[in-house]
């Protein structure tokens, strides 16, 4: 995962260059995955199979409010978490 980039439109964060952020998988459930894609401006991926998005794309922690996490370390997202920060 050395070269993983954040999939949010316009975000330049990359796991290889900066370890200050967590990188979260997109949801594996189709409806939630589509919500996340729309929320992060990736309408270009709406026709991509969800399995491929889950395997190959991540979104960095910059795009999630602190209340979206289930632990103080901010490593685990709540089931209802949605990327909302840009």
PDB file of N, CA and C in Angstrom:
ATOM      1  N   UNK A   1       0.819  -1.193   0.000  1.00  0.00           N
ATOM      2  CA  UNK A   1       0.000   0.000   0.000  1.00  0.00           C
ATOM      3  C   UNK A   1       0.864   1.257   0.000  1.00  0.00           C
ATOM      4  N   UNK A   2       2.127   1.151  -0.336  1.00  0.00           N
ATOM      5  CA  UNK A   2       3.033   2.268  -0.261  1.00  0.00           C
ATOM      6  C   UNK A   2       2.634   3.492  -1.055  1.00  0.00           C
ATOM      7  N   UNK A   3       1.982   3.337  -2.202  1.00  0.00           N
ATOM      8  CA  UNK A   3       1.653   4.485  -3.035  1.00  0.00           C
ATOM      9  C   UNK A   3       0.187   4.838  -3.047  1.00  0.00           C
ATOM     10  N   UNK A   4      -0.554   4.434  -2.037  1.00  0.00           N
ATOM     11  CA  UNK A   4      -1.996   4.689  -1.999  1.00  0.00           C
ATOM     12  C   UNK A   4      -2.259   6.192  -1.919  1.00  0.00           C
ATOM     13  N   UNK A   5      -3.112   6.674  -2.807  1.00  0.00           N
ATOM     14  CA  UNK A   5      -3.533   8.076  -2.812  1.00  0.00           C
ATOM     15  C   UNK A   5      -4.976   8.162  -2.341  1.00  0.00           C
ATOM     16  N   UNK A   6      -5.291   9.281  -1.744  1.00  0.00           N
ATOM     17  CA  UNK A   6      -6.675   9.518  -1.353  1.00  0.00           C
ATOM     18  C   UNK A   6      -7.508   9.668  -2.622  1.00  0.00           C
ATOM     19  N   UNK A   7      -8.668   9.011  -2.647  1.00  0.00           N
ATOM     20  CA  UNK A   7      -9.535   9.027  -3.827  1.00  0.00           C
ATOM     21  C   UNK A   7     -10.451  10.245  -3.892  1.00  0.00           C
ATOM     22  N   UNK A   8     -10.492  11.064  -2.848  1.00  0.00           N
ATOM     23  CA  UNK A   8     -11.358  12.247  -2.867  1.00  0.00           C
ATOM     24  C   UNK A   8     -10.887  13.209  -3.954  1.00  0.00           C
ATOM     25  N   UNK A   9     -11.822  13.720  -4.702  1.00  0.00           N
ATOM     26  CA  UNK A   9     -11.490  14.615  -5.806  1.00  0.00           C
ATOM     27  C   UNK A   9     -10.698  15.814  -5.297  1.00  0.00           C
ATOM     28  N   UNK A  10      -9.541  16.039  -5.883  1.00  0.00           N
ATOM     29  CA  UNK A  10      -8.705  17.172  -5.540  1.00  0.00           C
ATOM     30  C   UNK A  10      -7.767  16.966  -4.363  1.00  0.00           C
ATOM     31  N   UNK A  11      -7.899  15.862  -3.643  1.00  0.00           N
ATOM     32  CA  UNK A  11      -7.028  15.618  -2.490  1.00  0.00           C
ATOM     33  C   UNK A  11      -5.681  15.087  -2.987  1.00  0.00           C
ATOM     34  N   UNK A  12      -4.619  15.631  -2.451  1.00  0.00           N
ATOM     35  CA  UNK A  12      -3.263  15.243  -2.868  1.00  0.00           C
ATOM     36  C   UNK A  12      -2.574  14.332  -1.841  1.00  0.00           C
ATOM     37  N   UNK A  13      -3.271  13.974  -0.772  1.00  0.00           N
ATOM     38  CA  UNK A  13      -2.645  13.143   0.252  1.00  0.00           C
ATOM     39  C   UNK A  13      -2.311  11.771  -0.297  1.00  0.00           C
ATOM     40  N   UNK A  14      -1.136  11.295   0.086  1.00  0.00           N
ATOM     41  CA  UNK A  14      -0.642  10.006  -0.391  1.00  0.00           C
ATOM     42  C   UNK A  14       0.041   9.287   0.761  1.00  0.00           C
ATOM     43  N   UNK A  15      -0.295   8.035   0.958  1.00  0.00           N
ATOM     44  CA  UNK A  15       0.244   7.257   2.060  1.00  0.00           C
ATOM     45  C   UNK A  15       1.764   7.159   1.978  1.00  0.00           C
ATOM     46  N   UNK A  16       2.300   7.106   0.800  1.00  0.00           N
ATOM     47  CA  UNK A  16       3.745   6.970   0.634  1.00  0.00           C
ATOM     48  C   UNK A  16       4.488   8.197   1.170  1.00  0.00           C
ATOM     49  N   UNK A  17       3.898   9.370   1.004  1.00  0.00           N
ATOM     50  CA  UNK A  17       4.562  10.612   1.379  1.00  0.00           C
ATOM     51  C   UNK A  17       4.212  11.119   2.768  1.00  0.00           C
ATOM     52  N   UNK A  18       3.118  10.661   3.332  1.00  0.00           N
ATOM     53  CA  UNK A  18       2.656  11.231   4.595  1.00  0.00           C
ATOM     54  C   UNK A  18       1.936  10.178   5.419  1.00  0.00           C
ATOM     55  N   UNK A  19       2.484   9.869   6.566  1.00  0.00           N
ATOM     56  CA  UNK A  19       1.874   8.858   7.433  1.00  0.00           C
ATOM     57  C   UNK A  19       1.049   9.480   8.549  1.00  0.00           C
ATOM     58  N   UNK A  20       0.685  10.743   8.415  1.00  0.00           N
ATOM     59  CA  UNK A  20      -0.082  11.420   9.454  1.00  0.00           C
ATOM     60  C   UNK A  20      -1.577  11.123   9.379  1.00  0.00           C
ATOM     61  N   UNK A  21      -2.006  10.511   8.311  1.00  0.00           N
ATOM     62  CA  UNK A  21      -3.433  10.273   8.112  1.00  0.00           C
ATOM     63  C   UNK A  21      -3.727   8.779   8.044  1.00  0.00           C
ATOM     64  N   UNK A  22      -4.965   8.448   8.382  1.00  0.00           N
ATOM     65  CA  UNK A  22      -5.445   7.082   8.177  1.00  0.00           C
ATOM     66  C   UNK A  22      -6.058   7.032   6.788  1.00  0.00           C
ATOM     67  N   UNK A  23      -6.006   5.879   6.154  1.00  0.00           N
ATOM     68  CA  UNK A  23      -6.617   5.693   4.838  1.00  0.00           C
ATOM     69  C   UNK A  23      -7.665   4.595   4.960  1.00  0.00           C
ATOM     70  N   UNK A  24      -8.912   4.971   4.688  1.00  0.00           N
ATOM     71  CA  UNK A  24     -10.043   4.071   4.894  1.00  0.00           C
ATOM     72  C   UNK A  24     -10.549   3.512   3.567  1.00  0.00           C
ATOM     73  N   UNK A  25     -10.894   2.228   3.592  1.00  0.00           N
ATOM     74  CA  UNK A  25     -11.511   1.603   2.422  1.00  0.00           C
ATOM     75  C   UNK A  25     -12.910   2.173   2.227  1.00  0.00           C
ATOM     76  N   UNK A  26     -13.353   2.182   0.993  1.00  0.00           N
ATOM     77  CA  UNK A  26     -14.747   2.509   0.709  1.00  0.00           C
ATOM     78  C   UNK A  26     -15.599   1.344   1.202  1.00  0.00           C
ATOM     79  N   UNK A  27     -16.851   1.589   1.552  1.00  0.00           N
ATOM     80  CA  UNK A  27     -17.720   0.501   2.016  1.00  0.00           C
ATOM     81  C   UNK A  27     -17.902  -0.575   0.932  1.00  0.00           C
ATOM     82  N   UNK A  28     -18.060  -1.799   1.372  1.00  0.00           N
ATOM     83  CA  UNK A  28     -18.267  -2.900   0.424  1.00  0.00           C
ATOM     84  C   UNK A  28     -19.736  -3.039   0.025  1.00  0.00           C
ATOM     85  N   UNK A  29     -20.624  -2.387   0.763  1.00  0.00           N
ATOM     86  CA  UNK A  29     -22.047  -2.411   0.411  1.00  0.00           C
ATOM     87  C   UNK A  29     -22.305  -1.357  -0.666  1.00  0.00           C
ATOM     88  N   UNK A  30     -22.964  -1.755  -1.742  1.00  0.00           N
ATOM     89  CA  UNK A  30     -23.116  -0.910  -2.917  1.00  0.00           C
ATOM     90  C   UNK A  30     -23.725   0.461  -2.619  1.00  0.00           C
ATOM     91  N   UNK A  31     -24.827   0.507  -1.884  1.00  0.00           N
ATOM     92  CA  UNK A  31     -25.494   1.788  -1.619  1.00  0.00           C
ATOM     93  C   UNK A  31     -24.590   2.748  -0.850  1.00  0.00           C
ATOM     94  N   UNK A  32     -23.901   2.243   0.168  1.00  0.00           N
ATOM     95  CA  UNK A  32     -22.995   3.084   0.962  1.00  0.00           C
ATOM     96  C   UNK A  32     -21.803   3.531   0.129  1.00  0.00           C
ATOM     97  N   UNK A  33     -21.279   2.631  -0.677  1.00  0.00           N
ATOM     98  CA  UNK A  33     -20.148   2.963  -1.532  1.00  0.00           C
ATOM     99  C   UNK A  33     -20.521   4.102  -2.487  1.00  0.00           C
ATOM    100  N   UNK A  34     -21.684   4.025  -3.088  1.00  0.00           N
ATOM    101  CA  UNK A  34     -22.146   5.070  -4.001  1.00  0.00           C
ATOM    102  C   UNK A  34     -22.299   6.399  -3.263  1.00  0.00           C
ATOM    103  N   UNK A  35     -22.819   6.364  -2.044  1.00  0.00           N
ATOM    104  CA  UNK A  35     -22.942   7.592  -1.241  1.00  0.00           C
ATOM    105  C   UNK A  35     -21.574   8.216  -1.015  1.00  0.00           C
ATOM    106  N   UNK A  36     -20.589   7.404  -0.669  1.00  0.00           N
ATOM    107  CA  UNK A  36     -19.242   7.920  -0.437  1.00  0.00           C
ATOM    108  C   UNK A  36     -18.651   8.496  -1.721  1.00  0.00           C
ATOM    109  N   UNK A  37     -18.832   7.792  -2.838  1.00  0.00           N
ATOM    110  CA  UNK A  37     -18.300   8.280  -4.117  1.00  0.00           C
ATOM    111  C   UNK A  37     -18.869   9.650  -4.449  1.00  0.00           C
ATOM    112  N   UNK A  38     -20.166   9.795  -4.274  1.00  0.00           N
ATOM    113  CA  UNK A  38     -20.812  11.084  -4.541  1.00  0.00           C
ATOM    114  C   UNK A  38     -20.311  12.141  -3.569  1.00  0.00           C
ATOM    115  N   UNK A  39     -20.187  11.776  -2.292  1.00  0.00           N
ATOM    116  CA  UNK A  39     -19.760  12.732  -1.272  1.00  0.00           C
ATOM    117  C   UNK A  39     -18.343  13.247  -1.527  1.00  0.00           C
ATOM    118  N   UNK A  40     -17.492  12.406  -2.094  1.00  0.00           N
ATOM    119  CA  UNK A  40     -16.113  12.847  -2.327  1.00  0.00           C
ATOM    120  C   UNK A  40     -15.870  13.263  -3.779  1.00  0.00           C
ATOM    121  N   UNK A  41     -16.947  13.482  -4.522  1.00  0.00           N
ATOM    122  CA  UNK A  41     -16.827  14.039  -5.865  1.00  0.00           C
ATOM    123  C   UNK A  41     -16.304  13.094  -6.927  1.00  0.00           C
ATOM    124  N   UNK A  42     -16.424  11.795  -6.720  1.00  0.00           N
ATOM    125  CA  UNK A  42     -15.911  10.820  -7.681  1.00  0.00           C
ATOM    126  C   UNK A  42     -17.029  10.181  -8.502  1.00  0.00           C
ATOM    127  N   UNK A  43     -17.786  11.024  -9.158  1.00  0.00           N
ATOM    128  CA  UNK A  43     -18.871  10.544 -10.026  1.00  0.00           C
ATOM    129  C   UNK A  43     -18.323   9.702 -11.176  1.00  0.00           C
ATOM    130  N   UNK A  44     -17.057   9.910 -11.515  1.00  0.00           N
ATOM    131  CA  UNK A  44     -16.421   9.138 -12.581  1.00  0.00           C
ATOM    132  C   UNK A  44     -16.299   7.654 -12.237  1.00  0.00           C
ATOM    133  N   UNK A  45     -16.423   7.302 -10.969  1.00  0.00           N
ATOM    134  CA  UNK A  45     -16.298   5.899 -10.546  1.00  0.00           C
ATOM    135  C   UNK A  45     -17.637   5.215 -10.289  1.00  0.00           C
ATOM    136  N   UNK A  46     -18.737   5.910 -10.534  1.00  0.00           N
ATOM    137  CA  UNK A  46     -20.053   5.346 -10.203  1.00  0.00           C
ATOM    138  C   UNK A  46     -20.372   4.065 -10.968  1.00  0.00           C
ATOM    139  N   UNK A  47     -19.779   3.855 -12.127  1.00  0.00           N
ATOM    140  CA  UNK A  47     -20.036   2.635 -12.900  1.00  0.00           C
ATOM    141  C   UNK A  47     -18.976   1.562 -12.688  1.00  0.00           C
ATOM    142  N   UNK A  48     -18.035   1.828 -11.796  1.00  0.00           N
ATOM    143  CA  UNK A  48     -16.995   0.859 -11.463  1.00  0.00           C
ATOM    144  C   UNK A  48     -17.571  -0.155 -10.473  1.00  0.00           C
ATOM    145  N   UNK A  49     -17.273  -1.441 -10.659  1.00  0.00           N
ATOM    146  CA  UNK A  49     -17.782  -2.436  -9.710  1.00  0.00           C
ATOM    147  C   UNK A  49     -17.350  -2.115  -8.275  1.00  0.00           C
ATOM    148  N   UNK A  50     -18.274  -2.268  -7.347  1.00  0.00           N
ATOM    149  CA  UNK A  50     -18.014  -1.967  -5.941  1.00  0.00           C
ATOM    150  C   UNK A  50     -16.828  -2.776  -5.419  1.00  0.00           C
ATOM    151  N   UNK A  51     -16.700  -4.015  -5.840  1.00  0.00           N
ATOM    152  CA  UNK A  51     -15.598  -4.857  -5.390  1.00  0.00           C
ATOM    153  C   UNK A  51     -14.253  -4.229  -5.761  1.00  0.00           C
ATOM    154  N   UNK A  52     -14.178  -3.640  -6.937  1.00  0.00           N
ATOM    155  CA  UNK A  52     -12.953  -2.990  -7.393  1.00  0.00           C
ATOM    156  C   UNK A  52     -12.667  -1.723  -6.587  1.00  0.00           C
ATOM    157  N   UNK A  53     -13.700  -0.952  -6.309  1.00  0.00           N
ATOM    158  CA  UNK A  53     -13.524   0.261  -5.502  1.00  0.00           C
ATOM    159  C   UNK A  53     -13.056  -0.117  -4.098  1.00  0.00           C
ATOM    160  N   UNK A  54     -13.684  -1.119  -3.511  1.00  0.00           N
ATOM    161  CA  UNK A  54     -13.313  -1.575  -2.163  1.00  0.00           C
ATOM    162  C   UNK A  54     -11.852  -2.023  -2.115  1.00  0.00           C
ATOM    163  N   UNK A  55     -11.417  -2.755  -3.123  1.00  0.00           N
ATOM    164  CA  UNK A  55     -10.046  -3.275  -3.161  1.00  0.00           C
ATOM    165  C   UNK A  55      -9.001  -2.201  -3.461  1.00  0.00           C
ATOM    166  N   UNK A  56      -9.345  -1.248  -4.326  1.00  0.00           N
ATOM    167  CA  UNK A  56      -8.318  -0.389  -4.899  1.00  0.00           C
ATOM    168  C   UNK A  56      -8.322   1.079  -4.495  1.00  0.00           C
ATOM    169  N   UNK A  57      -9.348   1.549  -3.822  1.00  0.00           N
ATOM    170  CA  UNK A  57      -9.437   2.969  -3.508  1.00  0.00           C
ATOM    171  C   UNK A  57      -9.568   3.184  -2.000  1.00  0.00           C
ATOM    172  N   UNK A  58      -8.961   4.288  -1.529  1.00  0.00           N
ATOM    173  CA  UNK A  58      -9.036   4.671  -0.118  1.00  0.00           C
ATOM    174  C   UNK A  58      -9.358   6.161  -0.037  1.00  0.00           C
ATOM    175  N   UNK A  59      -9.875   6.577   1.096  1.00  0.00           N
ATOM    176  CA  UNK A  59     -10.102   7.991   1.355  1.00  0.00           C
ATOM    177  C   UNK A  59      -9.430   8.314   2.687  1.00  0.00           C
ATOM    178  N   UNK A  60      -8.725   9.424   2.731  1.00  0.00           N
ATOM    179  CA  UNK A  60      -7.946   9.738   3.929  1.00  0.00           C
ATOM    180  C   UNK A  60      -8.814  10.350   5.026  1.00  0.00           C
ATOM    181  N   UNK A  61      -8.267  10.302   6.226  1.00  0.00           N
ATOM    182  CA  UNK A  61      -8.989  10.738   7.417  1.00  0.00           C
ATOM    183  C   UNK A  61      -9.279  12.239   7.435  1.00  0.00           C
ATOM    184  N   UNK A  62      -8.641  13.006   6.583  1.00  0.00           N
ATOM    185  CA  UNK A  62      -8.882  14.451   6.502  1.00  0.00           C
ATOM    186  C   UNK A  62     -10.356  14.741   6.213  1.00  0.00           C
ATOM    187  N   UNK A  63     -11.027  13.834   5.539  1.00  0.00           N
ATOM    188  CA  UNK A  63     -12.386  14.064   5.062  1.00  0.00           C
ATOM    189  C   UNK A  63     -13.485  13.595   6.024  1.00  0.00           C
ATOM    190  N   UNK A  64     -13.086  13.179   7.226  1.00  0.00           N
ATOM    191  CA  UNK A  64     -14.054  12.704   8.207  1.00  0.00           C
ATOM    192  C   UNK A  64     -14.003  13.558   9.479  1.00  0.00           C
ATOM    193  N   UNK A  65     -15.163  13.944   9.958  1.00  0.00           N
ATOM    194  CA  UNK A  65     -15.252  14.686  11.211  1.00  0.00           C
ATOM    195  C   UNK A  65     -14.867  13.765  12.371  1.00  0.00           C
ATOM    196  N   UNK A  66     -14.308  14.315  13.434  1.00  0.00           N
ATOM    197  CA  UNK A  66     -13.932  13.490  14.594  1.00  0.00           C
ATOM    198  C   UNK A  66     -15.082  12.641  15.126  1.00  0.00           C
ATOM    199  N   UNK A  67     -16.308  13.150  15.074  1.00  0.00           N
ATOM    200  CA  UNK A  67     -17.453  12.385  15.588  1.00  0.00           C
ATOM    201  C   UNK A  67     -17.775  11.149  14.754  1.00  0.00           C
ATOM    202  N   UNK A  68     -17.131  10.976  13.605  1.00  0.00           N
ATOM    203  CA  UNK A  68     -17.363   9.818  12.744  1.00  0.00           C
ATOM    204  C   UNK A  68     -16.547   8.600  13.173  1.00  0.00           C
ATOM    205  N   UNK A  69     -15.705   8.771  14.193  1.00  0.00           N
ATOM    206  CA  UNK A  69     -14.843   7.684  14.645  1.00  0.00           C
ATOM    207  C   UNK A  69     -15.381   7.036  15.912  1.00  0.00           C
ATOM    208  N   UNK A  70     -15.106   5.744  16.051  1.00  0.00           N
ATOM    209  CA  UNK A  70     -15.593   4.996  17.211  1.00  0.00           C
ATOM    210  C   UNK A  70     -14.544   4.874  18.315  1.00  0.00           C
ATOM    211  N   UNK A  71     -13.338   5.385  18.077  1.00  0.00           N
ATOM    212  CA  UNK A  71     -12.305   5.297  19.100  1.00  0.00           C
ATOM    213  C   UNK A  71     -11.506   6.599  19.162  1.00  0.00           C
ATOM    214  N   UNK A  72     -10.883   6.867  20.300  1.00  0.00           N
ATOM    215  CA  UNK A  72     -10.142   8.126  20.477  1.00  0.00           C
ATOM    216  C   UNK A  72      -8.952   8.272  19.519  1.00  0.00           C
ATOM    217  N   UNK A  73      -8.365   7.164  19.093  1.00  0.00           N
ATOM    218  CA  UNK A  73      -7.221   7.213  18.181  1.00  0.00           C
ATOM    219  C   UNK A  73      -7.619   7.587  16.749  1.00  0.00           C
ATOM    220  N   UNK A  74      -8.925   7.598  16.502  1.00  0.00           N
ATOM    221  CA  UNK A  74      -9.483   7.931  15.179  1.00  0.00           C
ATOM    222  C   UNK A  74      -8.961   6.997  14.085  1.00  0.00           C
ATOM    223  N   UNK A  75      -9.016   5.713  14.400  1.00  0.00           N
ATOM    224  CA  UNK A  75      -8.602   4.708  13.415  1.00  0.00           C
ATOM    225  C   UNK A  75      -9.787   3.894  12.903  1.00  0.00           C
ATOM    226  N   UNK A  76     -10.891   3.849  13.671  1.00  0.00           N
ATOM    227  CA  UNK A  76     -12.055   3.044  13.296  1.00  0.00           C
ATOM    228  C   UNK A  76     -13.267   3.941  13.058  1.00  0.00           C
ATOM    229  N   UNK A  77     -13.771   3.886  11.840  1.00  0.00           N
ATOM    230  CA  UNK A  77     -14.959   4.670  11.518  1.00  0.00           C
ATOM    231  C   UNK A  77     -16.211   3.991  12.041  1.00  0.00           C
ATOM    232  N   UNK A  78     -17.188   4.785  12.418  1.00  0.00           N
ATOM    233  CA  UNK A  78     -18.505   4.261  12.781  1.00  0.00           C
ATOM    234  C   UNK A  78     -19.192   3.729  11.523  1.00  0.00           C
ATOM    235  N   UNK A  79     -20.114   2.765  11.671  1.00  0.00           N
ATOM    236  CA  UNK A  79     -20.795   2.210  10.498  1.00  0.00           C
ATOM    237  C   UNK A  79     -21.510   3.269   9.638  1.00  0.00           C
ATOM    238  N   UNK A  80     -22.005   4.323  10.272  1.00  0.00           N
ATOM    239  CA  UNK A  80     -22.741   5.355   9.539  1.00  0.00           C
ATOM    240  C   UNK A  80     -21.830   6.499   9.055  1.00  0.00           C
ATOM    241  N   UNK A  81     -20.520   6.367   9.219  1.00  0.00           N
ATOM    242  CA  UNK A  81     -19.593   7.437   8.847  1.00  0.00           C
ATOM    243  C   UNK A  81     -19.732   7.819   7.376  1.00  0.00           C
ATOM    244  N   UNK A  82     -19.577   9.116   7.118  1.00  0.00           N
ATOM    245  CA  UNK A  82     -19.677   9.657   5.770  1.00  0.00           C
ATOM    246  C   UNK A  82     -18.595  10.728   5.625  1.00  0.00           C
ATOM    247  N   UNK A  83     -17.848  10.707   4.529  1.00  0.00           N
ATOM    248  CA  UNK A  83     -16.874  11.774   4.315  1.00  0.00           C
ATOM    249  C   UNK A  83     -17.611  13.091   4.046  1.00  0.00           C
ATOM    250  N   UNK A  84     -17.317  14.122   4.839  1.00  0.00           N
ATOM    251  CA  UNK A  84     -18.026  15.393   4.695  1.00  0.00           C
ATOM    252  C   UNK A  84     -17.108  16.602   4.670  1.00  0.00           C
ATOM    253  N   UNK A  85     -15.822  16.425   4.950  1.00  0.00           N
ATOM    254  CA  UNK A  85     -14.915  17.564   5.042  1.00  0.00           C
ATOM    255  C   UNK A  85     -14.059  17.694   3.795  1.00  0.00           C
ATOM    256  N   UNK A  86     -13.966  18.915   3.276  1.00  0.00           N
ATOM    257  CA  UNK A  86     -13.145  19.167   2.068  1.00  0.00           C
ATOM    258  C   UNK A  86     -12.306  20.348   2.305  1.00  0.00           C
TER     259      UNK A  86
END
